[in-house]
Amino acid sequence: RPNVTADAASLCLKSGNAVILRGGKDALNSNTAICKIINSALCDCGFPEGVVALIENPSREYTSELLQLRGYVDLVIPRGGKGLIQAVKENAAVPVIETGAGNCHIYVHSDADTDMAVNILVNAKTQRPSVCNAAESLLVHRDIAAEFLPLAKAALDSFSVELRGCPETQAILGSCVVPATEEDYAAEYNDFIMSVKVVGSLEEAVEHINRYSTGHSEAIITRSLDASRRFGTSVDSACVYTNASTRFTDGEEFGFGAEIGISTQKLHARGPLGLNELTCEKYFISGSGQVRK
């Protein structure tokens, strides 16, 4: 998107990097105009030509060629859907940081404050459902499911959210719930659709999340410090929240300023990628004749 073009260019320049940008074909004219303005300003400030480059041909063969430029390109950061990220991973000969794919979960523990849980759920699902930190899956402890699920449904109905749930969810809420499939639990809907599952324990919730999550952001709603700690240390995702919406996973919200993406992997950075994550270490060692024995 055009805003990513401006963010990526500024972050790379500020962190001492040149950058080659390749935007979506639908935004080509906007991205071209933005890059021309950026390069004009950089030339006026004495930067060398080409510090910010844009691939203006939308053909995929140019992207494929870019992914093979070992020795010229240090890192590729794909921003887009799951298909794009997977294609870059499979075809790149240079290092890749995976970003963006977000099958995020809200787990409502047995001792949760139900009003808080409903408020967080609605925010995480409906405030902006097309983004990677929106919640896609709801897990509810069996002990609180009969009380909480009708409250959650009533709140989500205001936004016409379609629920796709397990048999226990259907038994509580009725035929309005679409039977959930394996694909539903793994889906990043980016829409007013949510998968729902009733679980018997925190451990079952963690197992489900670690199986289906993309490693982006998860949240537990609980009054228990012990449950919060067990959930946080057991869930294998970049960001884990207690009693807060997953929608906070963002460079600006974290106080980093602009970010170039949300890393869902473990090397070399995880979570929002700001200026620090676009730099690396270099060691300068001064001696006076020392030798190693």
Protein backbone atom coordinates (compact mmCIF):
# COMPACT_ATOMS: atom_id res chain seq x y z
CA ARG A 1 0.00 0.00 0.00
CA PRO A 2 1.18 3.59 -0.56
CA ASN A 3 1.55 4.28 3.19
CA VAL A 4 3.91 1.30 3.43
CA THR A 5 6.03 2.82 0.66
CA ALA A 6 6.56 6.01 2.67
CA ASP A 7 7.09 4.14 5.97
CA ALA A 8 9.56 1.63 4.50
CA ALA A 9 11.60 4.29 2.73
CA SER A 10 11.90 6.47 5.84
CA LEU A 11 12.71 3.57 8.18
CA CYS A 12 15.37 2.18 5.87
CA LEU A 13 17.01 5.57 5.37
CA LYS A 14 16.96 6.36 9.09
CA SER A 15 18.59 3.02 9.89
CA GLY A 16 21.28 3.47 7.23
CA ASN A 17 19.91 1.18 4.52
CA ALA A 18 19.10 1.53 0.87
CA VAL A 19 15.79 -0.06 -0.14
CA ILE A 20 14.15 -1.60 -3.20
CA LEU A 21 10.36 -1.36 -3.01
CA ARG A 22 7.82 -3.43 -4.90
CA GLY A 23 4.21 -2.40 -4.25
CA GLY A 24 0.91 -3.85 -5.39
CA LYS A 25 -0.10 -3.22 -8.98
CA ASP A 26 -3.28 -1.43 -7.88
CA ALA A 27 -1.16 1.19 -6.09
CA LEU A 28 1.54 1.53 -8.77
CA ASN A 29 0.75 5.13 -9.77
CA SER A 30 0.61 6.33 -6.16
CA ASN A 31 3.81 4.49 -5.23
CA THR A 32 5.61 5.87 -8.27
CA ALA A 33 4.62 9.43 -7.37
CA ILE A 34 5.65 8.99 -3.75
CA CYS A 35 9.05 7.57 -4.69
CA LYS A 36 9.71 10.39 -7.15
CA ILE A 37 9.04 12.95 -4.43
CA ILE A 38 11.25 11.07 -1.97
CA ASN A 39 14.14 10.78 -4.44
CA SER A 40 13.88 14.43 -5.44
CA ALA A 41 14.14 15.46 -1.80
CA LEU A 42 17.06 13.06 -1.22
CA CYS A 43 18.97 14.44 -4.19
CA ASP A 44 18.51 17.96 -2.80
CA CYS A 45 20.03 16.72 0.47
CA GLY A 46 23.06 15.14 -1.21
CA PHE A 47 22.08 11.47 -1.12
CA PRO A 48 23.26 9.28 -4.00
CA GLU A 49 20.74 8.40 -6.69
CA GLY A 50 18.90 5.12 -6.18
CA VAL A 51 18.97 4.97 -2.40
CA VAL A 52 15.20 4.44 -2.62
CA ALA A 53 14.30 2.37 -5.68
CA LEU A 54 10.90 1.20 -6.88
CA ILE A 55 10.18 -1.74 -9.18
CA GLU A 56 7.69 -0.08 -11.51
CA ASN A 57 6.96 -3.15 -13.63
CA PRO A 58 4.20 -5.21 -11.94
CA SER A 59 5.33 -8.45 -13.59
CA ARG A 60 6.15 -11.21 -11.09
CA GLU A 61 9.34 -12.13 -12.93
CA TYR A 62 10.99 -8.96 -11.59
CA THR A 63 10.05 -9.92 -8.05
CA SER A 64 11.44 -13.42 -8.61
CA GLU A 65 14.69 -11.91 -9.87
CA LEU A 66 14.90 -9.64 -6.82
CA LEU A 67 14.61 -12.67 -4.52
CA GLN A 68 17.71 -14.22 -6.11
CA LEU A 69 20.07 -11.25 -5.68
CA ARG A 70 22.48 -12.72 -3.14
CA GLY A 71 25.37 -10.35 -2.57
CA TYR A 72 23.22 -7.34 -3.43
CA VAL A 73 20.13 -7.73 -1.24
CA ASP A 74 20.69 -8.39 2.48
CA LEU A 75 17.09 -8.99 3.49
CA VAL A 76 13.58 -9.35 2.03
CA ILE A 77 10.52 -8.37 4.09
CA PRO A 78 7.24 -9.41 2.44
CA ARG A 79 4.17 -7.36 3.39
CA GLY A 80 0.91 -8.91 2.27
CA GLY A 81 -1.26 -11.98 2.43
CA LYS A 82 -0.35 -15.52 3.39
CA GLY A 83 0.11 -16.55 -0.25
CA LEU A 84 2.65 -13.81 -0.94
CA ILE A 85 4.63 -14.58 2.23
CA GLN A 86 4.69 -18.30 1.43
CA ALA A 87 5.80 -17.67 -2.16
CA VAL A 88 8.64 -15.40 -1.01
CA LYS A 89 9.79 -17.96 1.58
CA GLU A 90 9.85 -20.77 -0.98
CA ASN A 91 11.62 -18.86 -3.75
CA ALA A 92 14.04 -16.49 -2.02
CA ALA A 93 17.78 -17.09 -2.11
CA VAL A 94 18.32 -14.23 0.35
CA PRO A 95 17.22 -14.04 4.02
CA VAL A 96 13.51 -13.42 4.62
CA ILE A 97 11.64 -12.06 7.64
CA GLU A 98 8.06 -13.35 7.66
CA THR A 99 5.54 -10.68 8.61
CA GLY A 100 1.88 -10.04 8.85
CA ALA A 101 -0.05 -13.31 8.81
CA GLY A 102 -2.34 -13.04 11.82
CA ASN A 103 -4.60 -15.84 13.06
CA CYS A 104 -4.89 -14.23 16.52
CA HIS A 105 -6.75 -15.78 19.46
CA ILE A 106 -8.72 -14.56 22.47
CA TYR A 107 -8.90 -17.11 25.30
CA VAL A 108 -11.51 -16.47 28.01
CA HIS A 109 -10.38 -18.31 31.15
CA SER A 110 -12.77 -19.77 33.71
CA ASP A 111 -12.35 -16.86 36.12
CA ALA A 112 -12.58 -14.06 33.56
CA ASP A 113 -14.45 -10.82 34.13
CA THR A 114 -17.17 -11.37 31.52
CA ASP A 115 -17.86 -7.67 30.87
CA MET A 116 -14.16 -7.06 30.27
CA ALA A 117 -13.93 -10.14 28.07
CA VAL A 118 -16.85 -9.04 25.88
CA ASN A 119 -15.41 -5.54 25.49
CA ILE A 120 -11.96 -6.84 24.53
CA LEU A 121 -13.42 -9.43 22.17
CA VAL A 122 -15.55 -6.90 20.31
CA ASN A 123 -12.62 -4.50 19.96
CA ALA A 124 -10.18 -7.18 18.82
CA LYS A 125 -12.60 -8.61 16.25
CA THR A 126 -14.56 -5.65 14.92
CA GLN A 127 -12.61 -2.40 15.25
CA ARG A 128 -10.70 -3.13 12.04
CA PRO A 129 -11.19 -6.75 10.96
CA SER A 130 -8.96 -6.57 7.86
CA VAL A 131 -5.67 -6.09 9.73
CA CYS A 132 -3.22 -8.72 10.95
CA ASN A 133 -3.71 -8.02 14.67
CA ALA A 134 -7.48 -8.50 14.59
CA ALA A 135 -8.71 -11.55 16.49
CA GLU A 136 -9.91 -14.44 14.34
CA SER A 137 -10.53 -17.17 16.95
CA LEU A 138 -12.29 -17.27 20.31
CA LEU A 139 -11.55 -19.97 22.89
CA VAL A 140 -13.75 -20.21 25.99
CA HIS A 141 -13.22 -22.35 29.08
CA ARG A 142 -16.03 -24.86 29.53
CA ASP A 143 -16.78 -23.65 33.07
CA ILE A 144 -17.77 -20.18 31.82
CA ALA A 145 -18.99 -20.99 28.30
CA ALA A 146 -22.73 -21.16 29.05
CA GLU A 147 -22.58 -17.73 30.70
CA PHE A 148 -20.13 -16.01 28.37
CA LEU A 149 -21.01 -17.21 24.86
CA PRO A 150 -24.56 -15.70 24.78
CA LEU A 151 -23.11 -12.37 25.95
CA ALA A 152 -20.38 -12.54 23.29
CA LYS A 153 -22.85 -13.41 20.55
CA ALA A 154 -25.20 -10.57 21.49
CA ALA A 155 -22.32 -8.07 21.32
CA LEU A 156 -20.92 -9.45 18.07
CA ASP A 157 -24.39 -9.53 16.48
CA SER A 158 -24.29 -5.73 16.49
CA PHE A 159 -21.53 -6.02 13.88
CA SER A 160 -23.09 -9.00 12.02
CA VAL A 161 -20.17 -11.27 12.91
CA GLU A 162 -20.66 -14.83 11.67
CA LEU A 163 -19.65 -17.48 14.21
CA ARG A 164 -18.22 -20.85 13.17
CA GLY A 165 -18.06 -23.07 16.20
CA CYS A 166 -17.49 -26.49 17.70
CA PRO A 167 -20.41 -28.78 18.73
CA GLU A 168 -20.40 -27.38 22.28
CA THR A 169 -20.66 -23.85 20.94
CA GLN A 170 -23.55 -24.93 18.74
CA ALA A 171 -25.28 -26.60 21.69
CA ILE A 172 -25.13 -23.35 23.69
CA LEU A 173 -25.92 -20.85 20.93
CA GLY A 174 -28.04 -22.93 18.57
CA SER A 175 -28.31 -23.24 14.81
CA CYS A 176 -27.07 -19.70 14.17
CA VAL A 177 -23.53 -21.08 14.59
CA VAL A 178 -21.97 -22.54 11.46
CA PRO A 179 -20.14 -25.83 12.15
CA ALA A 180 -16.40 -25.11 12.28
CA THR A 181 -13.89 -27.05 10.18
CA GLU A 182 -10.14 -27.51 10.50
CA GLU A 183 -9.77 -24.82 7.85
CA ASP A 184 -11.80 -22.40 9.97
CA TYR A 185 -9.53 -22.80 12.97
CA ALA A 186 -6.49 -22.12 10.77
CA ALA A 187 -8.07 -19.23 8.84
CA GLU A 188 -7.14 -15.58 8.85
CA TYR A 189 -10.55 -14.29 7.77
CA ASN A 190 -9.85 -10.54 7.58
CA ASP A 191 -13.63 -10.27 7.74
CA PHE A 192 -16.58 -10.29 10.16
CA ILE A 193 -16.21 -14.03 10.75
CA MET A 194 -14.86 -15.74 13.85
CA SER A 195 -14.13 -19.34 14.81
CA VAL A 196 -15.16 -20.45 18.30
CA LYS A 197 -14.15 -23.43 20.42
CA VAL A 198 -15.00 -24.48 23.97
CA VAL A 199 -11.97 -25.93 25.80
CA GLY A 200 -11.67 -27.83 29.05
CA SER A 201 -8.49 -26.25 30.38
CA LEU A 202 -5.85 -23.60 29.89
CA GLU A 203 -3.54 -26.32 28.59
CA GLU A 204 -6.06 -27.30 25.92
CA ALA A 205 -6.37 -23.66 24.88
CA VAL A 206 -2.58 -23.36 24.59
CA GLU A 207 -2.38 -26.58 22.58
CA HIS A 208 -5.04 -25.31 20.18
CA ILE A 209 -3.33 -21.93 19.77
CA ASN A 210 0.12 -23.40 19.17
CA ARG A 211 -1.37 -25.73 16.56
CA TYR A 212 -3.34 -23.18 14.55
CA SER A 213 -1.81 -19.78 15.32
CA THR A 214 0.47 -17.92 12.92
CA GLY A 215 2.60 -16.78 15.87
CA HIS A 216 1.37 -13.20 15.82
CA SER A 217 -0.71 -12.12 18.86
CA GLU A 218 -2.80 -13.95 21.47
CA ALA A 219 -4.69 -12.79 24.56
CA ILE A 220 -5.94 -14.36 27.79
CA ILE A 221 -8.75 -12.81 29.81
CA THR A 222 -8.31 -13.84 33.44
CA ARG A 223 -8.21 -12.66 37.04
CA SER A 224 -5.46 -15.18 37.84
CA LEU A 225 -1.81 -14.12 37.81
CA ASP A 226 -0.79 -17.78 37.70
CA ALA A 227 -2.99 -18.47 34.66
CA SER A 228 -1.62 -15.37 32.96
CA ARG A 229 1.98 -16.49 33.53
CA ARG A 230 1.33 -20.07 32.40
CA PHE A 231 -0.42 -18.85 29.27
CA GLY A 232 2.29 -16.31 28.48
CA THR A 233 5.18 -18.73 28.84
CA SER A 234 3.43 -21.58 26.99
CA VAL A 235 2.01 -19.78 23.96
CA ASP A 236 4.56 -19.58 21.13
CA SER A 237 3.66 -16.21 19.63
CA ALA A 238 5.41 -12.87 19.22
CA CYS A 239 2.98 -10.95 21.45
CA VAL A 240 0.91 -12.32 24.34
CA TYR A 241 -1.60 -10.11 26.16
CA THR A 242 -3.35 -10.42 29.50
CA ASN A 243 -6.69 -8.59 29.72
CA ALA A 244 -6.06 -6.44 26.64
CA SER A 245 -6.93 -6.44 22.95
CA THR A 246 -4.63 -7.95 20.33
CA ARG A 247 -5.13 -4.76 18.33
CA PHE A 248 -2.26 -3.13 20.22
CA THR A 249 0.38 -5.11 18.30
CA ASP A 250 1.75 -2.21 16.29
CA GLY A 251 5.02 -0.30 16.21
CA GLU A 252 3.45 3.03 17.02
CA GLU A 253 1.32 1.58 19.84
CA PHE A 254 4.45 -0.03 21.31
CA GLY A 255 6.24 3.32 21.25
CA PHE A 256 8.65 2.34 18.46
CA GLY A 257 7.29 4.85 15.96
CA ALA A 258 6.72 3.59 12.43
CA GLU A 259 7.29 -0.10 11.72
CA ILE A 260 8.01 -2.01 8.56
CA GLY A 261 5.99 -5.07 9.57
CA ILE A 262 5.17 -7.49 12.39
CA SER A 263 7.63 -10.39 12.49
CA THR A 264 6.03 -13.75 13.34
CA GLN A 265 9.31 -15.66 13.35
CA LYS A 266 12.25 -15.88 15.78
CA LEU A 267 15.30 -14.82 13.74
CA HIS A 268 16.51 -12.22 14.05
CA ALA A 269 13.60 -10.13 15.31
CA ARG A 270 10.08 -10.81 16.57
CA GLY A 271 7.05 -8.53 16.82
CA PRO A 272 6.96 -4.97 15.42
CA LEU A 273 10.01 -4.18 13.25
CA GLY A 274 11.15 -0.65 13.97
CA LEU A 275 14.47 1.13 13.56
CA ASN A 276 16.41 -1.12 15.96
CA GLU A 277 15.33 -4.23 14.07
CA LEU A 278 16.62 -2.79 10.78
CA THR A 279 20.15 -2.54 12.13
CA CYS A 280 22.80 -5.14 12.91
CA GLU A 281 25.96 -5.28 15.01
CA LYS A 282 29.47 -4.54 13.78
CA TYR A 283 32.42 -4.86 16.16
CA PHE A 284 35.48 -2.56 16.15
CA ILE A 285 38.41 -3.93 18.16
CA SER A 286 41.54 -1.87 18.94
CA GLY A 287 44.68 -3.48 20.28
CA SER A 288 48.28 -2.78 21.18
CA GLY A 289 49.86 -5.97 19.90
CA GLN A 290 47.75 -8.60 21.69
CA VAL A 291 47.86 -12.13 20.33
CA ARG A 292 45.77 -15.12 21.29
CA LYS A 293 47.44 -18.02 23.05
